[in-house]
Amino acid sequence: MAYKKARTYADMENDSRVDWVSDERVTEEGIWVYLKEGFINTHLECGTIHEHTVAECCDQLNNAVVDSNTKWRPDRHD
């Protein structure tokens, strides 16, 4: 399935793969993006994205989030 490219904070919040977003930049903890069950961030090998900027979070959402029911395995990044 093709997803609209996330470019903004609102795009992340409205993405169908995202459960919720926690903006903790005021405490220097960055941004946490919690993925819905069934999706995994292949960069961190878990169901979250954690970065310091919106651009970095969008990059991972656009390029590293996959359906966990696919053929992706932690030991194989193809």
Protein backbone atom coordinates (compact mmCIF):
# COMPACT_ATOMS: atom_id res chain seq x y z
CA MET A 1 0.00 0.00 0.00
CA ALA A 2 1.27 3.47 -0.85
CA TYR A 3 1.05 6.17 1.80
CA LYS A 4 1.09 9.93 1.39
CA LYS A 5 4.56 11.29 2.14
CA ALA A 6 4.69 12.91 5.56
CA ARG A 7 6.28 16.36 5.51
CA THR A 8 4.79 18.10 8.55
CA TYR A 9 3.83 17.39 12.14
CA ALA A 10 0.17 17.33 11.07
CA ASP A 11 0.98 14.81 8.32
CA MET A 12 2.47 12.50 10.97
CA GLU A 13 -0.54 12.89 13.27
CA ASN A 14 -2.93 12.11 10.41
CA ASP A 15 -1.00 9.16 8.95
CA SER A 16 -3.02 5.94 9.14
CA ARG A 17 0.02 4.03 10.48
CA VAL A 18 0.41 6.37 13.47
CA ASP A 19 -1.40 5.79 16.75
CA TRP A 20 -0.27 9.03 18.41
CA VAL A 21 2.56 11.56 18.55
CA SER A 22 4.19 12.94 21.70
CA ASP A 23 6.10 16.20 21.22
CA GLU A 24 8.61 16.39 24.07
CA ARG A 25 11.02 18.88 22.51
CA VAL A 26 10.37 21.37 25.31
CA THR A 27 12.08 18.93 27.70
CA GLU A 28 14.75 18.09 25.09
CA GLU A 29 13.36 14.56 24.73
CA GLY A 30 12.52 15.00 21.05
CA ILE A 31 9.45 13.67 19.29
CA TRP A 32 8.02 10.21 19.86
CA VAL A 33 5.80 8.71 17.17
CA TYR A 34 3.90 5.64 18.32
CA LEU A 35 2.90 3.34 15.47
CA LYS A 36 -0.33 1.39 15.35
CA GLU A 37 -0.19 -2.30 16.06
CA GLY A 38 1.01 -4.15 12.98
CA PHE A 39 3.65 -1.60 11.93
CA ILE A 40 7.35 -1.55 12.72
CA ASN A 41 10.13 0.98 12.28
CA THR A 42 12.94 -1.01 10.66
CA HIS A 43 15.49 1.62 11.73
CA LEU A 44 14.82 1.08 15.45
CA GLU A 45 13.28 -2.40 15.06
CA CYS A 46 10.27 -1.48 17.17
CA GLY A 47 6.87 0.20 17.01
CA THR A 48 8.08 3.74 17.61
CA ILE A 49 9.98 6.55 15.94
CA HIS A 50 12.10 8.76 18.19
CA GLU A 51 13.95 11.73 16.75
CA HIS A 52 14.68 15.36 17.57
CA THR A 53 13.08 17.03 14.55
CA VAL A 54 9.90 16.72 12.53
CA ALA A 55 11.99 16.22 9.38
CA GLU A 56 13.83 13.25 10.91
CA CYS A 57 10.56 11.68 12.08
CA CYS A 58 8.97 12.17 8.67
CA ASP A 59 11.99 10.60 6.99
CA GLN A 60 11.66 7.45 9.11
CA LEU A 61 7.89 7.34 8.67
CA ASN A 62 8.30 7.63 4.90
CA ASN A 63 11.24 5.25 4.51
CA ALA A 64 11.52 2.86 7.46
CA VAL A 65 7.99 1.95 8.56
CA VAL A 66 6.66 -1.34 7.23
CA ASP A 67 3.75 -3.63 7.88
CA SER A 68 5.08 -6.16 10.38
CA ASN A 69 3.23 -8.91 8.51
CA THR A 70 5.51 -8.48 5.48
CA LYS A 71 8.63 -10.49 4.78
CA TRP A 72 10.79 -7.98 6.73
CA ARG A 73 13.08 -9.55 9.30
CA PRO A 74 15.46 -7.73 11.67
CA ASP A 75 18.44 -9.61 10.25
CA ARG A 76 17.60 -8.74 6.63
CA HIS A 77 17.19 -5.15 5.41
CA ASP A 78 16.25 -5.62 1.75
